[in-house]
Amino acid sequence: MARPKGIPFTEENAGANYAEFAIARKPDSKIKTQRLLFILLYAAFAIAYCFVFLVLTKLPMVIAIMPLFVLIMWFFTWKLTKIEYMYIVTQGHLHIYRYNGYNNAKEVLKVKVSETEGIYPVSDEEYAKYADACEATLDYSIGVGSEDRYFAIFRIDGKKTAVYFTASAKLLNGLHYFGGENVVVTYVSR
């Protein structure tokens, strides 16, 4: 897949301690509900199309192009349910970009890594109390229960916020470089 449009950083033009990592989000209940609604939309369109051209106008030959219209609808809407995130650590900041099947990236989070109150693995129960103490959560990870899931604690809009993400070894090293001892580095599979 081509690099998403809207991300101003590239590894070729970056300096030392640059790290980027991209993941695709697993379908959760929100995405599954959205997909179900799209399927119902396709079915409702097909039924309405058939009703108009079979019952009202009595032009049954026009039904032959209905699958093409449904395919076009699917092509332009189904991509909205494929969500991916790219994490970039550069120049002391953590940037998180969100993009869908249209490959247009939008920055959803930019924080200064040195201002973190801690970056911890979710799988380690010792650090669960830090996540529980947060007022808000932002989940930019593959999904709940996935491996290599971390959370970072930042002050965002005056609230103590836990930001969940999926880590890679290079990303953790970049975060550790800028965040110091506040970053707990463990073994990750990527």
Protein backbone atom coordinates (compact mmCIF):
# COMPACT_ATOMS: atom_id res chain seq x y z
CA MET A 1 0.00 0.00 0.00
CA ALA A 2 1.24 3.49 -0.79
CA ARG A 3 2.25 5.88 1.95
CA PRO A 4 -0.79 7.78 3.26
CA LYS A 5 -1.29 11.32 2.02
CA GLY A 6 -1.06 13.97 4.71
CA ILE A 7 1.92 12.67 6.71
CA PRO A 8 4.71 15.25 6.43
CA PHE A 9 7.44 12.97 7.80
CA THR A 10 9.48 10.34 5.97
CA GLU A 11 12.16 8.08 7.30
CA GLU A 12 14.51 9.14 4.50
CA ASN A 13 14.36 12.83 5.52
CA ALA A 14 14.37 12.30 9.28
CA GLY A 15 17.26 12.63 11.65
CA ALA A 16 18.39 10.31 14.40
CA ASN A 17 15.86 8.69 16.75
CA TYR A 18 13.06 8.74 14.20
CA ALA A 19 10.61 5.89 14.48
CA GLU A 20 7.39 5.09 12.71
CA PHE A 21 5.04 2.15 12.98
CA ALA A 22 1.72 1.49 11.25
CA ILE A 23 -1.04 -0.89 12.31
CA ALA A 24 -4.51 -1.83 11.10
CA ARG A 25 -7.27 -1.75 13.71
CA LYS A 26 -9.15 -4.99 14.26
CA PRO A 27 -12.90 -4.62 13.79
CA ASP A 28 -14.48 -3.81 17.13
CA SER A 29 -18.19 -3.48 17.92
CA LYS A 30 -18.36 0.05 16.46
CA ILE A 31 -16.80 -1.01 13.15
CA LYS A 32 -18.94 -4.17 12.99
CA THR A 33 -22.07 -2.09 13.60
CA GLN A 34 -21.01 0.32 10.86
CA ARG A 35 -20.47 -2.59 8.45
CA LEU A 36 -23.89 -4.03 9.32
CA LEU A 37 -25.51 -0.65 8.64
CA PHE A 38 -23.75 -0.43 5.28
CA ILE A 39 -25.01 -3.91 4.34
CA LEU A 40 -28.54 -2.86 5.32
CA LEU A 41 -28.10 0.30 3.22
CA TYR A 42 -27.07 -1.79 0.19
CA ALA A 43 -30.07 -4.09 0.67
CA ALA A 44 -32.49 -1.16 1.13
CA PHE A 45 -31.13 0.48 -2.02
CA ALA A 46 -31.55 -2.75 -4.00
CA ILE A 47 -35.13 -3.23 -2.77
CA ALA A 48 -36.06 0.39 -3.50
CA TYR A 49 -34.41 0.20 -6.93
CA CYS A 50 -36.32 -2.98 -7.77
CA PHE A 51 -39.59 -1.47 -6.51
CA VAL A 52 -39.16 1.68 -8.62
CA PHE A 53 -38.26 -0.12 -11.83
CA LEU A 54 -40.47 -3.21 -11.50
CA VAL A 55 -43.60 -1.83 -9.88
CA LEU A 56 -43.76 1.90 -10.55
CA THR A 57 -42.19 2.39 -13.98
CA LYS A 58 -42.42 -1.18 -15.31
CA LEU A 59 -38.91 -1.15 -16.83
CA PRO A 60 -37.49 -4.54 -15.81
CA MET A 61 -34.50 -4.31 -18.16
CA VAL A 62 -33.01 -1.52 -15.99
CA ILE A 63 -32.61 -4.03 -13.15
CA ALA A 64 -29.58 -5.45 -14.99
CA ILE A 65 -27.43 -2.45 -13.98
CA MET A 66 -28.47 -2.52 -10.30
CA PRO A 67 -25.50 -4.74 -9.27
CA LEU A 68 -23.18 -2.14 -10.78
CA PHE A 69 -24.74 0.60 -8.63
CA VAL A 70 -24.47 -1.56 -5.50
CA LEU A 71 -20.84 -2.29 -6.34
CA ILE A 72 -20.12 1.43 -6.70
CA MET A 73 -21.80 2.11 -3.35
CA TRP A 74 -19.73 -0.66 -1.75
CA PHE A 75 -16.51 0.67 -3.28
CA PHE A 76 -17.00 4.17 -1.88
CA THR A 77 -18.41 3.28 1.55
CA TRP A 78 -16.75 0.05 2.71
CA LYS A 79 -13.32 1.72 2.85
CA LEU A 80 -14.59 3.84 5.72
CA THR A 81 -14.57 0.73 7.94
CA LYS A 82 -10.88 -0.02 7.39
CA ILE A 83 -9.09 2.07 10.00
CA GLU A 84 -5.32 2.22 10.37
CA TYR A 85 -2.99 4.20 12.61
CA MET A 86 0.57 5.35 12.12
CA TYR A 87 2.70 6.32 15.11
CA ILE A 88 5.67 8.58 14.48
CA VAL A 89 8.27 9.65 17.04
CA THR A 90 10.42 12.50 15.81
CA GLN A 91 11.97 15.65 17.22
CA GLY A 92 10.72 14.84 20.72
CA HIS A 93 7.05 14.47 19.76
CA LEU A 94 4.71 11.53 19.35
CA HIS A 95 2.42 11.98 16.35
CA ILE A 96 -0.49 9.62 15.78
CA TYR A 97 -2.19 9.66 12.39
CA ARG A 98 -5.46 7.94 11.53
CA TYR A 99 -6.31 6.94 7.99
CA ASN A 100 -8.95 4.81 6.31
CA GLY A 101 -9.19 2.97 3.01
CA TYR A 102 -8.95 6.23 1.07
CA ASN A 103 -5.36 6.57 2.32
CA ASN A 104 -5.82 10.14 3.57
CA ALA A 105 -4.14 10.61 6.93
CA LYS A 106 -5.31 12.96 9.64
CA GLU A 107 -3.27 13.75 12.73
CA VAL A 108 -5.35 12.77 15.77
CA LEU A 109 -2.72 13.34 18.44
CA LYS A 110 0.52 15.27 18.84
CA VAL A 111 2.18 15.31 22.25
CA LYS A 112 5.63 16.09 23.57
CA VAL A 113 7.15 12.81 24.78
CA SER A 114 9.15 14.48 27.56
CA GLU A 115 5.86 15.61 29.17
CA THR A 116 4.61 12.07 29.67
CA GLU A 117 3.78 10.89 33.15
CA GLY A 118 4.71 7.38 32.04
CA ILE A 119 4.53 4.89 29.19
CA TYR A 120 3.71 1.37 30.34
CA PRO A 121 2.77 -2.04 28.93
CA VAL A 122 -0.90 -2.89 29.36
CA SER A 123 -0.11 -6.58 29.94
CA ASP A 124 1.83 -5.85 33.16
CA GLU A 125 -0.64 -5.71 36.05
CA GLU A 126 1.82 -3.65 38.10
CA TYR A 127 1.02 -0.59 35.97
CA ALA A 128 -2.77 -1.06 35.75
CA LYS A 129 -3.31 1.34 38.64
CA TYR A 130 -1.84 4.19 36.54
CA ALA A 131 -4.36 3.59 33.75
CA ASP A 132 -7.23 3.39 36.25
CA ALA A 133 -6.26 6.77 37.70
CA CYS A 134 -6.75 8.53 34.34
CA GLU A 135 -9.81 10.68 33.71
CA ALA A 136 -10.03 9.93 29.97
CA THR A 137 -8.80 7.31 27.49
CA LEU A 138 -7.91 7.40 23.81
CA ASP A 139 -7.50 4.06 22.05
CA TYR A 140 -5.30 4.08 18.95
CA SER A 141 -4.21 0.44 19.24
CA ILE A 142 -5.03 -2.67 17.21
CA GLY A 143 -7.70 -3.50 19.75
CA VAL A 144 -8.40 -4.45 23.33
CA GLY A 145 -6.60 -7.63 24.34
CA SER A 146 -4.01 -7.44 21.58
CA GLU A 147 -0.37 -8.14 22.25
CA ASP A 148 2.26 -5.40 22.45
CA ARG A 149 -0.35 -2.92 23.68
CA TYR A 150 0.98 0.04 25.67
CA PHE A 151 -0.51 3.13 27.24
CA ALA A 152 1.00 6.56 27.71
CA ILE A 153 -0.24 9.07 30.24
CA PHE A 154 -0.40 12.69 29.11
CA ARG A 155 -2.23 15.84 30.16
CA ILE A 156 -4.55 16.56 27.23
CA ASP A 157 -6.95 19.49 27.53
CA GLY A 158 -6.28 19.60 31.27
CA LYS A 159 -7.29 15.96 31.81
CA LYS A 160 -5.04 13.09 32.73
CA THR A 161 -5.46 10.87 29.67
CA ALA A 162 -4.35 7.32 28.93
CA VAL A 163 -3.42 6.96 25.26
CA TYR A 164 -3.40 3.31 24.15
CA PHE A 165 -1.22 2.25 21.22
CA THR A 166 0.46 -0.83 19.79
CA ALA A 167 4.23 -0.73 20.23
CA SER A 168 7.17 -1.88 18.17
CA ALA A 169 10.76 -2.16 19.36
CA LYS A 170 11.92 0.83 17.28
CA LEU A 171 8.98 2.95 18.47
CA LEU A 172 9.69 2.12 22.11
CA ASN A 173 13.37 2.98 21.67
CA GLY A 174 12.43 6.37 20.20
CA LEU A 175 9.97 7.01 23.03
CA HIS A 176 12.59 5.96 25.60
CA TYR A 177 15.15 8.31 24.05
CA PHE A 178 12.86 11.34 24.42
CA GLY A 179 10.91 10.22 27.51
CA GLY A 180 13.75 8.87 29.62
CA GLU A 181 12.99 6.76 32.67
CA ASN A 182 9.24 7.38 32.35
CA VAL A 183 9.15 4.82 29.52
CA VAL A 184 9.10 1.14 30.46
CA VAL A 185 10.63 -0.87 27.63
CA THR A 186 9.77 -4.56 27.46
CA TYR A 187 10.06 -7.21 24.78
CA VAL A 188 7.62 -6.70 21.92
CA SER A 189 7.10 -9.04 19.00
CA ARG A 190 7.45 -6.38 16.28
